[in-house]
Amino acid sequence: MMENKKKPNPIDIHVGSRIRLRRTMLGMSQEKLGESLGITFQQIQKYEKGTNRVGASRLQNISSILNVPVSFFFEDAPGEQADAQAGLAEASSSNYVVDFLSSSEGLQLNRAFVKINDPKVRRKLVDLVKALAAEMEVE
């Protein structure tokens, strides 16, 4: 009788997926993050899947290493329905961002874009992408 196997808590799964998102945005491996924390990459895998819960002090360390506030890991977490009406459009737009950054192309584009220091060049790139997208809609 294997019903003792607990399903991961949806919040733990969400926090883990946000750790993975930020880690991959930075181009950091599970090994590197694990090394910085003094734990194995297997432990990082378990955190990212939500199999193992991340303790408060460890989450604080992770937020420091990944250079984001702790609140980043809880953004759009399940059960945040208090501001459901106000945040509805915002939630779907942030899911869009997560989907984009989860794709190989999105990740590559993001990594390359953040390396561009000149704001004028960044602006021109955004304008170019918008123009290309508008062209695609016309066809």
C-alpha atoms as a PDB file:
ATOM      1  CA  MET A   1       0.000   0.000   0.000  1.00  0.00           C
ATOM      2  CA  MET A   2       1.950   3.021  -1.318  1.00  0.00           C
ATOM      3  CA  GLU A   3      -0.582   5.741  -0.450  1.00  0.00           C
ATOM      4  CA  ASN A   4       1.886   7.249   2.014  1.00  0.00           C
ATOM      5  CA  LYS A   5       3.611   8.958  -0.917  1.00  0.00           C
ATOM      6  CA  LYS A   6       2.583  12.593  -0.443  1.00  0.00           C
ATOM      7  CA  LYS A   7       1.959  14.708  -3.494  1.00  0.00           C
ATOM      8  CA  PRO A   8       4.112  17.850  -3.542  1.00  0.00           C
ATOM      9  CA  ASN A   9       2.366  20.988  -2.298  1.00  0.00           C
ATOM     10  CA  PRO A  10       1.361  23.273  -5.207  1.00  0.00           C
ATOM     11  CA  ILE A  11       3.269  26.169  -3.583  1.00  0.00           C
ATOM     12  CA  ASP A  12       6.438  24.032  -3.352  1.00  0.00           C
ATOM     13  CA  ILE A  13       6.053  23.123  -7.032  1.00  0.00           C
ATOM     14  CA  HIS A  14       5.561  26.795  -7.928  1.00  0.00           C
ATOM     15  CA  VAL A  15       8.558  27.988  -5.891  1.00  0.00           C
ATOM     16  CA  GLY A  16      10.684  25.247  -7.481  1.00  0.00           C
ATOM     17  CA  SER A  17       9.610  26.224 -10.983  1.00  0.00           C
ATOM     18  CA  ARG A  18      10.490  29.873 -10.246  1.00  0.00           C
ATOM     19  CA  ILE A  19      13.940  28.782  -8.991  1.00  0.00           C
ATOM     20  CA  ARG A  20      14.418  26.859 -12.256  1.00  0.00           C
ATOM     21  CA  LEU A  21      13.160  29.811 -14.329  1.00  0.00           C
ATOM     22  CA  ARG A  22      15.552  32.282 -12.719  1.00  0.00           C
ATOM     23  CA  ARG A  23      18.477  29.837 -12.774  1.00  0.00           C
ATOM     24  CA  THR A  24      18.009  29.182 -16.503  1.00  0.00           C
ATOM     25  CA  MET A  25      17.526  32.912 -17.204  1.00  0.00           C
ATOM     26  CA  LEU A  26      20.991  33.428 -15.750  1.00  0.00           C
ATOM     27  CA  GLY A  27      22.407  30.473 -17.685  1.00  0.00           C
ATOM     28  CA  MET A  28      23.410  28.806 -14.418  1.00  0.00           C
ATOM     29  CA  SER A  29      23.581  25.019 -14.126  1.00  0.00           C
ATOM     30  CA  GLN A  30      22.011  23.009 -11.307  1.00  0.00           C
ATOM     31  CA  GLU A  31      25.553  21.985 -10.352  1.00  0.00           C
ATOM     32  CA  LYS A  32      26.697  25.601 -10.046  1.00  0.00           C
ATOM     33  CA  LEU A  33      23.704  26.590  -7.905  1.00  0.00           C
ATOM     34  CA  GLY A  34      24.203  23.486  -5.761  1.00  0.00           C
ATOM     35  CA  GLU A  35      27.909  24.279  -5.312  1.00  0.00           C
ATOM     36  CA  SER A  36      27.088  27.834  -4.224  1.00  0.00           C
ATOM     37  CA  LEU A  37      24.712  26.402  -1.605  1.00  0.00           C
ATOM     38  CA  GLY A  38      26.963  23.513  -0.555  1.00  0.00           C
ATOM     39  CA  ILE A  39      24.483  20.870  -1.745  1.00  0.00           C
ATOM     40  CA  THR A  40      24.240  18.435  -4.670  1.00  0.00           C
ATOM     41  CA  PHE A  41      22.609  19.168  -8.014  1.00  0.00           C
ATOM     42  CA  GLN A  42      20.212  16.293  -7.231  1.00  0.00           C
ATOM     43  CA  GLN A  43      18.944  18.331  -4.281  1.00  0.00           C
ATOM     44  CA  ILE A  44      18.445  21.307  -6.619  1.00  0.00           C
ATOM     45  CA  GLN A  45      16.470  19.001  -8.954  1.00  0.00           C
ATOM     46  CA  LYS A  46      14.225  17.985  -6.061  1.00  0.00           C
ATOM     47  CA  TYR A  47      13.650  21.626  -5.107  1.00  0.00           C
ATOM     48  CA  GLU A  48      12.849  22.554  -8.706  1.00  0.00           C
ATOM     49  CA  LYS A  49      10.325  19.714  -9.040  1.00  0.00           C
ATOM     50  CA  GLY A  50       8.749  20.582  -5.694  1.00  0.00           C
ATOM     51  CA  THR A  51       9.578  17.097  -4.392  1.00  0.00           C
ATOM     52  CA  ASN A  52      11.566  18.668  -1.540  1.00  0.00           C
ATOM     53  CA  ARG A  53      10.433  21.814   0.229  1.00  0.00           C
ATOM     54  CA  VAL A  54      12.907  24.710   0.345  1.00  0.00           C
ATOM     55  CA  GLY A  55      13.481  25.997   3.877  1.00  0.00           C
ATOM     56  CA  ALA A  56      13.326  29.719   4.620  1.00  0.00           C
ATOM     57  CA  SER A  57      17.071  30.238   5.152  1.00  0.00           C
ATOM     58  CA  ARG A  58      17.919  28.217   2.041  1.00  0.00           C
ATOM     59  CA  LEU A  59      15.396  30.214  -0.026  1.00  0.00           C
ATOM     60  CA  GLN A  60      17.033  33.394   1.266  1.00  0.00           C
ATOM     61  CA  ASN A  61      20.438  32.061   0.109  1.00  0.00           C
ATOM     62  CA  ILE A  62      19.014  31.069  -3.276  1.00  0.00           C
ATOM     63  CA  SER A  63      17.465  34.519  -3.747  1.00  0.00           C
ATOM     64  CA  SER A  64      20.833  36.097  -2.985  1.00  0.00           C
ATOM     65  CA  ILE A  65      22.724  33.810  -5.402  1.00  0.00           C
ATOM     66  CA  LEU A  66      20.115  34.289  -8.167  1.00  0.00           C
ATOM     67  CA  ASN A  67      19.958  38.028  -7.447  1.00  0.00           C
ATOM     68  CA  VAL A  68      16.182  38.314  -6.992  1.00  0.00           C
ATOM     69  CA  PRO A  69      14.050  39.177  -3.947  1.00  0.00           C
ATOM     70  CA  VAL A  70      12.523  36.206  -2.100  1.00  0.00           C
ATOM     71  CA  SER A  71       9.097  37.451  -3.252  1.00  0.00           C
ATOM     72  CA  PHE A  72      10.105  36.551  -6.838  1.00  0.00           C
ATOM     73  CA  PHE A  73       9.626  32.867  -6.013  1.00  0.00           C
ATOM     74  CA  PHE A  74       6.021  33.441  -4.925  1.00  0.00           C
ATOM     75  CA  GLU A  75       4.849  35.641  -7.806  1.00  0.00           C
ATOM     76  CA  ASP A  76       1.672  34.191  -9.382  1.00  0.00           C
ATOM     77  CA  ALA A  77       1.640  31.381  -6.820  1.00  0.00           C
ATOM     78  CA  PRO A  78      -1.511  29.239  -6.654  1.00  0.00           C
ATOM     79  CA  GLY A  79      -3.956  30.497  -4.045  1.00  0.00           C
ATOM     80  CA  GLU A  80      -3.178  34.188  -4.569  1.00  0.00           C
ATOM     81  CA  GLN A  81      -6.825  34.916  -5.381  1.00  0.00           C
ATOM     82  CA  ALA A  82      -7.289  37.960  -3.121  1.00  0.00           C
ATOM     83  CA  ASP A  83      -6.562  40.371  -5.965  1.00  0.00           C
ATOM     84  CA  ALA A  84      -7.934  38.074  -8.662  1.00  0.00           C
ATOM     85  CA  GLN A  85      -9.964  40.766 -10.416  1.00  0.00           C
ATOM     86  CA  ALA A  86      -7.228  43.404 -10.373  1.00  0.00           C
ATOM     87  CA  GLY A  87      -4.430  41.038 -11.325  1.00  0.00           C
ATOM     88  CA  LEU A  88      -6.179  38.913 -13.944  1.00  0.00           C
ATOM     89  CA  ALA A  89      -4.600  40.561 -16.985  1.00  0.00           C
ATOM     90  CA  GLU A  90      -1.280  40.810 -15.180  1.00  0.00           C
ATOM     91  CA  ALA A  91      -1.297  37.086 -14.325  1.00  0.00           C
ATOM     92  CA  SER A  92      -1.874  36.036 -17.919  1.00  0.00           C
ATOM     93  CA  SER A  93       0.860  38.384 -19.117  1.00  0.00           C
ATOM     94  CA  SER A  94       3.359  36.992 -16.611  1.00  0.00           C
ATOM     95  CA  ASN A  95       2.437  33.434 -17.675  1.00  0.00           C
ATOM     96  CA  TYR A  96       3.247  34.560 -21.209  1.00  0.00           C
ATOM     97  CA  VAL A  97       6.674  35.721 -19.996  1.00  0.00           C
ATOM     98  CA  VAL A  98       7.296  32.404 -18.234  1.00  0.00           C
ATOM     99  CA  ASP A  99       6.281  30.502 -21.385  1.00  0.00           C
ATOM    100  CA  PHE A 100       8.555  32.715 -23.489  1.00  0.00           C
ATOM    101  CA  LEU A 101      11.537  32.250 -21.168  1.00  0.00           C
ATOM    102  CA  SER A 102      10.899  28.524 -21.002  1.00  0.00           C
ATOM    103  CA  SER A 103      11.413  28.246 -24.753  1.00  0.00           C
ATOM    104  CA  SER A 104      14.899  27.788 -26.158  1.00  0.00           C
ATOM    105  CA  GLU A 105      14.557  30.797 -28.485  1.00  0.00           C
ATOM    106  CA  GLY A 106      13.165  33.030 -25.746  1.00  0.00           C
ATOM    107  CA  LEU A 107      15.980  32.122 -23.422  1.00  0.00           C
ATOM    108  CA  GLN A 108      18.642  32.740 -26.090  1.00  0.00           C
ATOM    109  CA  LEU A 109      17.043  36.049 -27.045  1.00  0.00           C
ATOM    110  CA  ASN A 110      16.840  37.149 -23.409  1.00  0.00           C
ATOM    111  CA  ARG A 111      20.460  36.194 -22.666  1.00  0.00           C
ATOM    112  CA  ALA A 112      21.729  38.053 -25.718  1.00  0.00           C
ATOM    113  CA  PHE A 113      19.490  41.089 -25.128  1.00  0.00           C
ATOM    114  CA  VAL A 114      20.627  41.670 -21.530  1.00  0.00           C
ATOM    115  CA  LYS A 115      24.236  41.801 -22.735  1.00  0.00           C
ATOM    116  CA  ILE A 116      23.447  44.882 -24.841  1.00  0.00           C
ATOM    117  CA  ASN A 117      24.367  47.896 -22.715  1.00  0.00           C
ATOM    118  CA  ASP A 118      23.365  50.700 -25.077  1.00  0.00           C
ATOM    119  CA  PRO A 119      19.703  51.676 -24.414  1.00  0.00           C
ATOM    120  CA  LYS A 120      19.361  53.082 -27.961  1.00  0.00           C
ATOM    121  CA  VAL A 121      20.397  49.764 -29.488  1.00  0.00           C
ATOM    122  CA  ARG A 122      17.959  47.936 -27.188  1.00  0.00           C
ATOM    123  CA  ARG A 123      15.153  50.317 -28.244  1.00  0.00           C
ATOM    124  CA  LYS A 124      15.942  49.775 -31.937  1.00  0.00           C
ATOM    125  CA  LEU A 125      15.869  46.001 -31.432  1.00  0.00           C
ATOM    126  CA  VAL A 126      12.463  46.201 -29.755  1.00  0.00           C
ATOM    127  CA  ASP A 127      11.231  48.387 -32.642  1.00  0.00           C
ATOM    128  CA  LEU A 128      12.605  45.858 -35.158  1.00  0.00           C
ATOM    129  CA  VAL A 129      10.873  42.926 -33.455  1.00  0.00           C
ATOM    130  CA  LYS A 130       7.587  44.867 -33.288  1.00  0.00           C
ATOM    131  CA  ALA A 131       7.866  45.719 -36.997  1.00  0.00           C
ATOM    132  CA  LEU A 132       8.544  42.069 -37.871  1.00  0.00           C
ATOM    133  CA  ALA A 133       5.574  40.942 -35.774  1.00  0.00           C
ATOM    134  CA  ALA A 134       3.294  43.514 -37.427  1.00  0.00           C
ATOM    135  CA  GLU A 135       4.474  42.294 -40.844  1.00  0.00           C
ATOM    136  CA  MET A 136       3.602  38.714 -39.881  1.00  0.00           C
ATOM    137  CA  GLU A 137       0.044  39.779 -38.909  1.00  0.00           C
ATOM    138  CA  VAL A 138      -0.514  41.351 -42.326  1.00  0.00           C
ATOM    139  CA  GLU A 139       0.410  38.222 -44.283  1.00  0.00           C
END
